[in-house]
Amino acid sequence: MDVQKHVQAAVAWLASEHNFFIELKNDLANLKEDLESAKAKEQVKDIKKAFRDFRYLARSEQRFQQYEKQVEEALADLGKQKITVSGTISEIHHLIQRLQTEAASLIHDSSFYEGKIQKLLTYLQVNIQEHHLEQAQAVLMEIILVVDDAEKWIAALSVDLNQARQILLKSQEEPDPNWDDFENPETQRQIQRLLVQRLFRNISIDHIQDHREIIIKAYFGKFGSIFWIRQNINTKRIDIGFPAPTELGWDQSQFSLQFYMERERKRGKTFRVFLEKLLEIIADGTKPHGRMDVGNRISWELR
């Protein structure tokens, strides 16, 4: 008897058919729609309106309270799954044990995502109530990324249990404190959060598989000048480029910077500090009475 095959089949059925996962998937889709709507808003009151009832918070709390009941129901439904089982009594007993373990594990893994989303939504609610627009937008971006991970996890469950586990592990990763690795989802979130805090807009992340590159893009300034950061996954070199906003009298019209990871690390410099300082210079240059010698400051302060 192929125990792994039967477990995989049962898990795929559970993820696609059981009410627990159907409800979770639907709620995530509704939440994502609300998030996208709120992200497009420009005022705290508009974000608050988009989250007027915080439906997901209530649903998530309800599911969490029924955790044990949901596990029991999942196991019962797995028992009804019509799969052909042949083998010794010992093998069949082993299969049942594996199914029980996997079912409980699935509910536990889903609670990880729900708990993380619930915590962020509560934090968002506080920022909205206190009219902190920049912080609210940063948290919005982070929630969307977690929801994306959760959706990928659910989709993978019905195809490949091991793939789903990899997604879960990836979503639990701690960020590199130096922001050296753009493949790390937490590092991506930290960079996005910093960009939002500096009033950058329409932030996106693109994975260019053919060239093994990750590109983070955003817009800043009154007329939406594009700012991009690109890391080559193989060499780890980071390139940054952006034009001067047309309404400002900067001392340069185009900027192209490189951060060589290995070389800068030997000099005791990290990309995190480099990026924070660069965005500080840009932010100062976009202020009505800020310093316009952006090129000179970059040359002197980031060398």
C-alpha atoms as a PDB file:
ATOM      1  CA  MET A   1       0.000   0.000   0.000  1.00  0.00           C
ATOM      2  CA  ASP A   2       1.310   3.453  -0.957  1.00  0.00           C
ATOM      3  CA  VAL A   3       0.622   5.399   2.248  1.00  0.00           C
ATOM      4  CA  GLN A   4       1.984   8.671   0.865  1.00  0.00           C
ATOM      5  CA  LYS A   5      -0.294   8.420  -2.183  1.00  0.00           C
ATOM      6  CA  HIS A   6      -3.405   7.933  -0.047  1.00  0.00           C
ATOM      7  CA  VAL A   7      -2.430  10.729   2.339  1.00  0.00           C
ATOM      8  CA  GLN A   8      -1.828  13.077  -0.598  1.00  0.00           C
ATOM      9  CA  ALA A   9      -5.205  12.187  -2.137  1.00  0.00           C
ATOM     10  CA  ALA A  10      -7.023  12.738   1.160  1.00  0.00           C
ATOM     11  CA  VAL A  11      -5.278  16.060   1.773  1.00  0.00           C
ATOM     12  CA  ALA A  12      -6.137  17.274  -1.732  1.00  0.00           C
ATOM     13  CA  TRP A  13      -9.790  16.364  -1.154  1.00  0.00           C
ATOM     14  CA  LEU A  14      -9.820  18.021   2.266  1.00  0.00           C
ATOM     15  CA  ALA A  15      -8.394  21.300   0.943  1.00  0.00           C
ATOM     16  CA  SER A  16     -10.889  21.517  -1.925  1.00  0.00           C
ATOM     17  CA  GLU A  17     -14.068  20.117  -0.341  1.00  0.00           C
ATOM     18  CA  HIS A  18     -14.212  20.684   3.396  1.00  0.00           C
ATOM     19  CA  ASN A  19     -16.192  23.678   4.649  1.00  0.00           C
ATOM     20  CA  PHE A  20     -13.334  24.910   6.818  1.00  0.00           C
ATOM     21  CA  PHE A  21     -11.087  25.515   3.825  1.00  0.00           C
ATOM     22  CA  ILE A  22     -13.895  26.673   1.549  1.00  0.00           C
ATOM     23  CA  GLU A  23     -14.831  29.365   4.080  1.00  0.00           C
ATOM     24  CA  LEU A  24     -11.198  30.336   4.612  1.00  0.00           C
ATOM     25  CA  LYS A  25     -10.573  30.627   0.869  1.00  0.00           C
ATOM     26  CA  ASN A  26     -13.716  32.739   0.335  1.00  0.00           C
ATOM     27  CA  ASP A  27     -12.896  35.014   3.257  1.00  0.00           C
ATOM     28  CA  LEU A  28      -9.356  35.550   1.972  1.00  0.00           C
ATOM     29  CA  ALA A  29     -10.727  36.483  -1.458  1.00  0.00           C
ATOM     30  CA  ASN A  30     -13.157  39.004   0.108  1.00  0.00           C
ATOM     31  CA  LEU A  31     -10.434  40.399   2.349  1.00  0.00           C
ATOM     32  CA  LYS A  32      -8.082  40.851  -0.600  1.00  0.00           C
ATOM     33  CA  GLU A  33     -10.783  42.755  -2.490  1.00  0.00           C
ATOM     34  CA  ASP A  34     -11.252  45.062   0.502  1.00  0.00           C
ATOM     35  CA  LEU A  35      -7.486  45.507   0.810  1.00  0.00           C
ATOM     36  CA  GLU A  36      -7.078  46.477  -2.838  1.00  0.00           C
ATOM     37  CA  SER A  37      -9.929  48.964  -2.475  1.00  0.00           C
ATOM     38  CA  ALA A  38      -8.425  50.470   0.669  1.00  0.00           C
ATOM     39  CA  LYS A  39      -4.937  50.637  -0.849  1.00  0.00           C
ATOM     40  CA  ALA A  40      -6.268  52.833  -3.651  1.00  0.00           C
ATOM     41  CA  LYS A  41      -7.706  55.374  -1.192  1.00  0.00           C
ATOM     42  CA  GLU A  42      -5.877  58.577  -0.360  1.00  0.00           C
ATOM     43  CA  GLN A  43      -7.386  59.543   2.982  1.00  0.00           C
ATOM     44  CA  VAL A  44      -7.669  57.779   6.324  1.00  0.00           C
ATOM     45  CA  LYS A  45     -11.452  58.218   6.252  1.00  0.00           C
ATOM     46  CA  ASP A  46     -11.602  56.404   2.907  1.00  0.00           C
ATOM     47  CA  ILE A  47      -9.508  53.499   4.198  1.00  0.00           C
ATOM     48  CA  LYS A  48     -11.728  53.383   7.257  1.00  0.00           C
ATOM     49  CA  LYS A  49     -14.798  53.230   5.036  1.00  0.00           C
ATOM     50  CA  ALA A  50     -13.323  50.332   3.072  1.00  0.00           C
ATOM     51  CA  PHE A  51     -12.900  48.459   6.369  1.00  0.00           C
ATOM     52  CA  ARG A  52     -16.133  49.626   7.948  1.00  0.00           C
ATOM     53  CA  ASP A  53     -17.075  46.239   9.375  1.00  0.00           C
ATOM     54  CA  PHE A  54     -13.776  44.305   9.485  1.00  0.00           C
ATOM     55  CA  ARG A  55     -15.571  41.163   8.377  1.00  0.00           C
ATOM     56  CA  TYR A  56     -12.457  39.032   8.324  1.00  0.00           C
ATOM     57  CA  LEU A  57     -11.628  39.786  11.956  1.00  0.00           C
ATOM     58  CA  ALA A  58     -14.992  38.495  13.130  1.00  0.00           C
ATOM     59  CA  ARG A  59     -14.848  35.411  10.896  1.00  0.00           C
ATOM     60  CA  SER A  60     -11.286  34.638  11.922  1.00  0.00           C
ATOM     61  CA  GLU A  61     -12.103  34.839  15.627  1.00  0.00           C
ATOM     62  CA  GLN A  62     -15.077  32.557  15.133  1.00  0.00           C
ATOM     63  CA  ARG A  63     -12.990  29.966  13.304  1.00  0.00           C
ATOM     64  CA  PHE A  64     -10.277  30.095  15.939  1.00  0.00           C
ATOM     65  CA  GLN A  65     -12.811  29.518  18.733  1.00  0.00           C
ATOM     66  CA  GLN A  66     -14.092  26.433  16.910  1.00  0.00           C
ATOM     67  CA  TYR A  67     -10.597  25.051  16.310  1.00  0.00           C
ATOM     68  CA  GLU A  68     -11.050  21.706  18.089  1.00  0.00           C
ATOM     69  CA  LYS A  69     -14.465  21.186  16.542  1.00  0.00           C
ATOM     70  CA  GLN A  70     -13.082  21.874  13.091  1.00  0.00           C
ATOM     71  CA  VAL A  71     -10.304  19.299  13.583  1.00  0.00           C
ATOM     72  CA  GLU A  72     -12.840  16.674  14.632  1.00  0.00           C
ATOM     73  CA  GLU A  73     -15.053  17.467  11.652  1.00  0.00           C
ATOM     74  CA  ALA A  74     -12.089  17.333   9.288  1.00  0.00           C
ATOM     75  CA  LEU A  75     -11.075  13.911  10.602  1.00  0.00           C
ATOM     76  CA  ALA A  76     -14.642  12.642  10.350  1.00  0.00           C
ATOM     77  CA  ASP A  77     -14.925  13.845   6.768  1.00  0.00           C
ATOM     78  CA  LEU A  78     -11.595  12.267   5.908  1.00  0.00           C
ATOM     79  CA  GLY A  79     -13.003   9.008   7.217  1.00  0.00           C
ATOM     80  CA  LYS A  80     -15.805   9.290   4.660  1.00  0.00           C
ATOM     81  CA  GLN A  81     -13.347   9.823   1.823  1.00  0.00           C
ATOM     82  CA  LYS A  82     -13.821   7.040  -0.727  1.00  0.00           C
ATOM     83  CA  ILE A  83     -10.322   5.722  -1.351  1.00  0.00           C
ATOM     84  CA  THR A  84      -9.370   2.128  -1.971  1.00  0.00           C
ATOM     85  CA  VAL A  85      -7.238   0.885   0.886  1.00  0.00           C
ATOM     86  CA  SER A  86      -5.521  -2.455   0.782  1.00  0.00           C
ATOM     87  CA  GLY A  87      -2.767  -3.869   2.916  1.00  0.00           C
ATOM     88  CA  THR A  88      -2.114  -5.351   6.320  1.00  0.00           C
ATOM     89  CA  ILE A  89      -3.934  -4.235   9.457  1.00  0.00           C
ATOM     90  CA  SER A  90      -0.718  -2.523  10.530  1.00  0.00           C
ATOM     91  CA  GLU A  91      -0.447  -0.603   7.246  1.00  0.00           C
ATOM     92  CA  ILE A  92      -4.068   0.541   7.374  1.00  0.00           C
ATOM     93  CA  HIS A  93      -3.649   1.620  11.003  1.00  0.00           C
ATOM     94  CA  HIS A  94      -0.541   3.573   9.976  1.00  0.00           C
ATOM     95  CA  LEU A  95      -2.505   5.283   7.191  1.00  0.00           C
ATOM     96  CA  ILE A  96      -5.274   6.351   9.578  1.00  0.00           C
ATOM     97  CA  GLN A  97      -2.695   7.765  11.991  1.00  0.00           C
ATOM     98  CA  ARG A  98      -1.022   9.692   9.184  1.00  0.00           C
ATOM     99  CA  LEU A  99      -4.348  11.116   8.039  1.00  0.00           C
ATOM    100  CA  GLN A 100      -5.182  12.237  11.563  1.00  0.00           C
ATOM    101  CA  THR A 101      -1.792  13.915  11.915  1.00  0.00           C
ATOM    102  CA  GLU A 102      -2.051  15.636   8.527  1.00  0.00           C
ATOM    103  CA  ALA A 103      -5.620  16.861   9.127  1.00  0.00           C
ATOM    104  CA  ALA A 104      -4.680  18.396  12.475  1.00  0.00           C
ATOM    105  CA  SER A 105      -1.545  19.897  10.898  1.00  0.00           C
ATOM    106  CA  LEU A 106      -3.568  21.539   8.110  1.00  0.00           C
ATOM    107  CA  ILE A 107      -5.911  23.241  10.539  1.00  0.00           C
ATOM    108  CA  HIS A 108      -2.924  24.341  12.613  1.00  0.00           C
ATOM    109  CA  ASP A 109      -1.140  25.771   9.573  1.00  0.00           C
ATOM    110  CA  SER A 110      -4.242  27.692   8.521  1.00  0.00           C
ATOM    111  CA  SER A 111      -4.470  29.159  12.017  1.00  0.00           C
ATOM    112  CA  PHE A 112      -0.922  30.500  11.572  1.00  0.00           C
ATOM    113  CA  TYR A 113      -2.024  32.584   8.594  1.00  0.00           C
ATOM    114  CA  GLU A 114      -5.270  33.636  10.278  1.00  0.00           C
ATOM    115  CA  GLY A 115      -3.416  34.674  13.425  1.00  0.00           C
ATOM    116  CA  LYS A 116      -0.882  36.704  11.459  1.00  0.00           C
ATOM    117  CA  ILE A 117      -3.589  38.412   9.376  1.00  0.00           C
ATOM    118  CA  GLN A 118      -5.709  39.101  12.457  1.00  0.00           C
ATOM    119  CA  LYS A 119      -2.760  40.709  14.262  1.00  0.00           C
ATOM    120  CA  LEU A 120      -1.998  42.958  11.284  1.00  0.00           C
ATOM    121  CA  LEU A 121      -5.656  43.916  10.822  1.00  0.00           C
ATOM    122  CA  THR A 122      -5.871  44.919  14.472  1.00  0.00           C
ATOM    123  CA  TYR A 123      -2.713  47.017  14.048  1.00  0.00           C
ATOM    124  CA  LEU A 124      -4.249  48.565  10.925  1.00  0.00           C
ATOM    125  CA  GLN A 125      -7.420  49.402  12.811  1.00  0.00           C
ATOM    126  CA  VAL A 126      -5.405  51.263  15.468  1.00  0.00           C
ATOM    127  CA  ASN A 127      -3.545  53.295  12.824  1.00  0.00           C
ATOM    128  CA  ILE A 128      -6.808  54.171  11.088  1.00  0.00           C
ATOM    129  CA  GLN A 129      -8.428  55.285  14.338  1.00  0.00           C
ATOM    130  CA  GLU A 130      -5.405  57.452  15.135  1.00  0.00           C
ATOM    131  CA  HIS A 131      -5.349  58.837  11.556  1.00  0.00           C
ATOM    132  CA  HIS A 132      -1.830  57.611  10.789  1.00  0.00           C
ATOM    133  CA  LEU A 133      -2.117  57.340   7.008  1.00  0.00           C
ATOM    134  CA  GLU A 134       1.503  56.379   6.221  1.00  0.00           C
ATOM    135  CA  GLN A 135       1.582  53.596   8.811  1.00  0.00           C
ATOM    136  CA  ALA A 136      -1.853  52.380   7.692  1.00  0.00           C
ATOM    137  CA  GLN A 137      -0.714  52.144   4.068  1.00  0.00           C
ATOM    138  CA  ALA A 138       2.437  50.250   5.103  1.00  0.00           C
ATOM    139  CA  VAL A 139       0.392  47.730   7.085  1.00  0.00           C
ATOM    140  CA  LEU A 140      -2.014  47.361   4.157  1.00  0.00           C
ATOM    141  CA  MET A 141       0.877  46.319   1.929  1.00  0.00           C
ATOM    142  CA  GLU A 142       2.069  43.798   4.487  1.00  0.00           C
ATOM    143  CA  ILE A 143      -1.393  42.237   4.898  1.00  0.00           C
ATOM    144  CA  ILE A 144      -1.747  41.834   1.133  1.00  0.00           C
ATOM    145  CA  LEU A 145       1.539  39.913   1.035  1.00  0.00           C
ATOM    146  CA  VAL A 146       0.418  37.594   3.848  1.00  0.00           C
ATOM    147  CA  VAL A 147      -2.929  37.015   2.115  1.00  0.00           C
ATOM    148  CA  ASP A 148      -1.056  36.177  -1.090  1.00  0.00           C
ATOM    149  CA  ASP A 149       0.986  33.582   0.801  1.00  0.00           C
ATOM    150  CA  ALA A 150      -2.144  32.088   2.365  1.00  0.00           C
ATOM    151  CA  GLU A 151      -3.876  31.830  -1.021  1.00  0.00           C
ATOM    152  CA  LYS A 152      -0.829  30.110  -2.547  1.00  0.00           C
ATOM    153  CA  TRP A 153      -0.726  27.726   0.419  1.00  0.00           C
ATOM    154  CA  ILE A 154      -4.380  26.710  -0.012  1.00  0.00           C
ATOM    155  CA  ALA A 155      -3.932  26.260  -3.770  1.00  0.00           C
ATOM    156  CA  ALA A 156      -0.852  24.095  -3.224  1.00  0.00           C
ATOM    157  CA  LEU A 157      -2.641  21.848  -0.724  1.00  0.00           C
ATOM    158  CA  SER A 158      -4.844  20.411  -3.459  1.00  0.00           C
ATOM    159  CA  VAL A 159      -1.799  19.675  -5.622  1.00  0.00           C
ATOM    160  CA  ASP A 160       1.297  18.984  -3.554  1.00  0.00           C
ATOM    161  CA  LEU A 161       1.463  18.821   0.241  1.00  0.00           C
ATOM    162  CA  ASN A 162       5.241  19.319   0.239  1.00  0.00           C
ATOM    163  CA  GLN A 163       4.900  22.467  -1.868  1.00  0.00           C
ATOM    164  CA  ALA A 164       2.351  23.833   0.592  1.00  0.00           C
ATOM    165  CA  ARG A 165       4.770  23.211   3.438  1.00  0.00           C
ATOM    166  CA  GLN A 166       7.501  25.110   1.609  1.00  0.00           C
ATOM    167  CA  ILE A 167       5.157  28.094   1.222  1.00  0.00           C
ATOM    168  CA  LEU A 168       4.354  27.982   4.934  1.00  0.00           C
ATOM    169  CA  LEU A 169       8.035  27.822   5.889  1.00  0.00           C
ATOM    170  CA  LYS A 170       8.848  30.663   3.516  1.00  0.00           C
ATOM    171  CA  SER A 171       6.149  32.864   5.034  1.00  0.00           C
ATOM    172  CA  GLN A 172       7.641  32.257   8.488  1.00  0.00           C
ATOM    173  CA  GLU A 173      11.138  33.333   7.483  1.00  0.00           C
ATOM    174  CA  GLU A 174      12.846  36.075   9.415  1.00  0.00           C
ATOM    175  CA  PRO A 175      14.109  38.996   7.337  1.00  0.00           C
ATOM    176  CA  ASP A 176      17.814  39.412   6.731  1.00  0.00           C
ATOM    177  CA  PRO A 177      18.603  42.417   8.958  1.00  0.00           C
ATOM    178  CA  ASN A 178      20.870  43.738   6.190  1.00  0.00           C
ATOM    179  CA  TRP A 179      18.228  43.323   3.434  1.00  0.00           C
ATOM    180  CA  ASP A 180      20.731  41.432   1.310  1.00  0.00           C
ATOM    181  CA  ASP A 181      18.332  38.815  -0.057  1.00  0.00           C
ATOM    182  CA  PHE A 182      15.366  40.030  -2.127  1.00  0.00           C
ATOM    183  CA  GLU A 183      14.059  36.450  -2.441  1.00  0.00           C
ATOM    184  CA  ASN A 184      13.168  36.565   1.245  1.00  0.00           C
ATOM    185  CA  PRO A 185       9.464  37.607   1.527  1.00  0.00           C
ATOM    186  CA  GLU A 186      10.050  39.334   4.862  1.00  0.00           C
ATOM    187  CA  THR A 187      12.874  41.397   3.374  1.00  0.00           C
ATOM    188  CA  GLN A 188      10.542  42.408   0.544  1.00  0.00           C
ATOM    189  CA  ARG A 189       7.959  43.495   3.120  1.00  0.00           C
ATOM    190  CA  GLN A 190      10.490  45.574   5.027  1.00  0.00           C
ATOM    191  CA  ILE A 191      11.589  47.377   1.864  1.00  0.00           C
ATOM    192  CA  GLN A 192       7.968  47.974   0.834  1.00  0.00           C
ATOM    193  CA  ARG A 193       7.141  49.327   4.272  1.00  0.00           C
ATOM    194  CA  LEU A 194      10.063  51.763   4.125  1.00  0.00           C
ATOM    195  CA  LEU A 195       8.998  52.964   0.662  1.00  0.00           C
ATOM    196  CA  VAL A 196       5.438  53.574   1.882  1.00  0.00           C
ATOM    197  CA  GLN A 197       6.721  55.478   4.901  1.00  0.00           C
ATOM    198  CA  ARG A 198       8.646  57.711   2.507  1.00  0.00           C
ATOM    199  CA  LEU A 199       5.382  58.355   0.606  1.00  0.00           C
ATOM    200  CA  PHE A 200       6.237  56.235  -2.436  1.00  0.00           C
ATOM    201  CA  ARG A 201       3.156  54.889  -4.248  1.00  0.00           C
ATOM    202  CA  ASN A 202       2.028  51.935  -6.391  1.00  0.00           C
ATOM    203  CA  ILE A 203       4.732  49.626  -5.113  1.00  0.00           C
ATOM    204  CA  SER A 204       5.160  46.355  -7.022  1.00  0.00           C
ATOM    205  CA  ILE A 205       7.521  43.373  -7.066  1.00  0.00           C
ATOM    206  CA  ASP A 206       8.366  41.519 -10.281  1.00  0.00           C
ATOM    207  CA  HIS A 207      10.232  38.215 -10.548  1.00  0.00           C
ATOM    208  CA  ILE A 208      12.050  38.000 -13.892  1.00  0.00           C
ATOM    209  CA  GLN A 209      12.740  34.275 -14.078  1.00  0.00           C
ATOM    210  CA  ASP A 210      14.675  34.324 -17.368  1.00  0.00           C
ATOM    211  CA  HIS A 211      17.224  36.778 -16.013  1.00  0.00           C
ATOM    212  CA  ARG A 212      17.077  35.577 -12.388  1.00  0.00           C
ATOM    213  CA  GLU A 213      16.186  39.052 -11.162  1.00  0.00           C
ATOM    214  CA  ILE A 214      13.778  40.598  -8.663  1.00  0.00           C
ATOM    215  CA  ILE A 215      12.683  44.175  -9.302  1.00  0.00           C
ATOM    216  CA  ILE A 216      10.922  46.414  -6.782  1.00  0.00           C
ATOM    217  CA  LYS A 217       9.231  49.443  -8.375  1.00  0.00           C
ATOM    218  CA  ALA A 218       7.485  52.478  -6.919  1.00  0.00           C
ATOM    219  CA  TYR A 219       6.510  56.040  -7.842  1.00  0.00           C
ATOM    220  CA  PHE A 220       7.334  59.298  -6.069  1.00  0.00           C
ATOM    221  CA  GLY A 221       7.027  63.009  -6.590  1.00  0.00           C
ATOM    222  CA  LYS A 222       4.100  65.031  -7.866  1.00  0.00           C
ATOM    223  CA  PHE A 223       4.262  63.673 -11.414  1.00  0.00           C
ATOM    224  CA  GLY A 224       5.001  60.080 -10.477  1.00  0.00           C
ATOM    225  CA  SER A 225       8.679  59.569 -11.231  1.00  0.00           C
ATOM    226  CA  ILE A 226       9.535  55.864 -11.202  1.00  0.00           C
ATOM    227  CA  PHE A 227      12.032  54.463  -8.711  1.00  0.00           C
ATOM    228  CA  TRP A 228      13.299  50.909  -9.111  1.00  0.00           C
ATOM    229  CA  ILE A 229      15.593  48.513  -7.277  1.00  0.00           C
ATOM    230  CA  ARG A 230      16.828  45.379  -9.050  1.00  0.00           C
ATOM    231  CA  GLN A 231      18.787  42.489  -7.574  1.00  0.00           C
ATOM    232  CA  ASN A 232      20.468  39.771  -9.604  1.00  0.00           C
ATOM    233  CA  ILE A 233      19.793  36.544  -7.672  1.00  0.00           C
ATOM    234  CA  ASN A 234      23.075  34.949  -8.798  1.00  0.00           C
ATOM    235  CA  THR A 235      25.523  37.788  -8.194  1.00  0.00           C
ATOM    236  CA  LYS A 236      23.492  39.557  -5.446  1.00  0.00           C
ATOM    237  CA  ARG A 237      24.425  42.906  -7.007  1.00  0.00           C
ATOM    238  CA  ILE A 238      21.757  45.573  -6.530  1.00  0.00           C
ATOM    239  CA  ASP A 239      21.068  48.296  -9.111  1.00  0.00           C
ATOM    240  CA  ILE A 240      18.951  51.376  -8.382  1.00  0.00           C
ATOM    241  CA  GLY A 241      17.659  53.901 -10.884  1.00  0.00           C
ATOM    242  CA  PHE A 242      15.331  56.915 -10.903  1.00  0.00           C
ATOM    243  CA  PRO A 243      14.885  60.246 -12.717  1.00  0.00           C
ATOM    244  CA  ALA A 244      14.596  63.615 -11.063  1.00  0.00           C
ATOM    245  CA  PRO A 245      10.955  64.685 -10.616  1.00  0.00           C
ATOM    246  CA  THR A 246      10.267  67.224 -13.377  1.00  0.00           C
ATOM    247  CA  GLU A 247       9.005  69.903 -10.996  1.00  0.00           C
ATOM    248  CA  LEU A 248      12.235  69.971  -8.937  1.00  0.00           C
ATOM    249  CA  GLY A 249      15.553  71.618  -9.749  1.00  0.00           C
ATOM    250  CA  TRP A 250      17.844  68.730  -8.804  1.00  0.00           C
ATOM    251  CA  ASP A 251      21.501  68.874  -9.830  1.00  0.00           C
ATOM    252  CA  GLN A 252      21.070  65.729 -11.965  1.00  0.00           C
ATOM    253  CA  SER A 253      18.245  64.495 -14.188  1.00  0.00           C
ATOM    254  CA  GLN A 254      18.958  60.743 -14.007  1.00  0.00           C
ATOM    255  CA  PHE A 255      20.403  58.564 -11.260  1.00  0.00           C
ATOM    256  CA  SER A 256      21.952  55.109 -11.601  1.00  0.00           C
ATOM    257  CA  LEU A 257      23.482  53.492  -8.517  1.00  0.00           C
ATOM    258  CA  GLN A 258      25.031  50.106  -7.782  1.00  0.00           C
ATOM    259  CA  PHE A 259      25.488  48.271  -4.506  1.00  0.00           C
ATOM    260  CA  TYR A 260      27.980  45.399  -4.674  1.00  0.00           C
ATOM    261  CA  MET A 261      27.065  43.159  -1.760  1.00  0.00           C
ATOM    262  CA  GLU A 262      30.357  41.376  -1.157  1.00  0.00           C
ATOM    263  CA  ARG A 263      32.523  44.473  -1.565  1.00  0.00           C
ATOM    264  CA  GLU A 264      30.354  46.670   0.674  1.00  0.00           C
ATOM    265  CA  ARG A 265      30.062  43.981   3.321  1.00  0.00           C
ATOM    266  CA  LYS A 266      33.852  43.944   3.671  1.00  0.00           C
ATOM    267  CA  ARG A 267      33.692  47.690   4.224  1.00  0.00           C
ATOM    268  CA  GLY A 268      31.120  47.179   6.992  1.00  0.00           C
ATOM    269  CA  LYS A 269      28.234  48.637   4.972  1.00  0.00           C
ATOM    270  CA  THR A 270      24.793  47.092   4.567  1.00  0.00           C
ATOM    271  CA  PHE A 271      22.160  47.626   1.904  1.00  0.00           C
ATOM    272  CA  ARG A 272      19.582  48.466   4.548  1.00  0.00           C
ATOM    273  CA  VAL A 273      21.588  51.479   5.769  1.00  0.00           C
ATOM    274  CA  PHE A 274      22.382  52.442   2.161  1.00  0.00           C
ATOM    275  CA  LEU A 275      18.706  52.414   1.115  1.00  0.00           C
ATOM    276  CA  GLU A 276      17.478  54.216   4.226  1.00  0.00           C
ATOM    277  CA  LYS A 277      20.014  57.003   3.643  1.00  0.00           C
ATOM    278  CA  LEU A 278      19.206  57.222  -0.081  1.00  0.00           C
ATOM    279  CA  LEU A 279      15.466  57.555   0.591  1.00  0.00           C
ATOM    280  CA  GLU A 280      16.202  60.170   3.245  1.00  0.00           C
ATOM    281  CA  ILE A 281      18.112  62.229   0.651  1.00  0.00           C
ATOM    282  CA  ILE A 282      15.312  61.828  -1.907  1.00  0.00           C
ATOM    283  CA  ALA A 283      12.646  62.763   0.661  1.00  0.00           C
ATOM    284  CA  ASP A 284      14.555  65.911   1.589  1.00  0.00           C
ATOM    285  CA  GLY A 285      14.922  66.796  -2.085  1.00  0.00           C
ATOM    286  CA  THR A 286      11.189  66.557  -2.708  1.00  0.00           C
ATOM    287  CA  LYS A 287      10.281  68.959   0.096  1.00  0.00           C
ATOM    288  CA  PRO A 288       9.331  72.543  -0.913  1.00  0.00           C
ATOM    289  CA  HIS A 289      12.420  73.978   0.789  1.00  0.00           C
ATOM    290  CA  GLY A 290      14.600  70.888   0.733  1.00  0.00           C
ATOM    291  CA  ARG A 291      18.136  70.591  -0.589  1.00  0.00           C
ATOM    292  CA  MET A 292      18.348  70.220  -4.383  1.00  0.00           C
ATOM    293  CA  ASP A 293      21.970  68.963  -4.498  1.00  0.00           C
ATOM    294  CA  VAL A 294      20.748  65.359  -4.543  1.00  0.00           C
ATOM    295  CA  GLY A 295      23.529  64.102  -6.836  1.00  0.00           C
ATOM    296  CA  ASN A 296      26.261  65.656  -4.725  1.00  0.00           C
ATOM    297  CA  ARG A 297      24.763  64.316  -1.515  1.00  0.00           C
ATOM    298  CA  ILE A 298      24.535  60.803  -2.954  1.00  0.00           C
ATOM    299  CA  SER A 299      28.180  60.999  -4.074  1.00  0.00           C
ATOM    300  CA  TRP A 300      29.398  62.192  -0.670  1.00  0.00           C
ATOM    301  CA  GLU A 301      27.046  60.543   1.804  1.00  0.00           C
ATOM    302  CA  LEU A 302      26.707  57.105   0.163  1.00  0.00           C
ATOM    303  CA  ARG A 303      30.219  56.543  -1.108  1.00  0.00           C
END
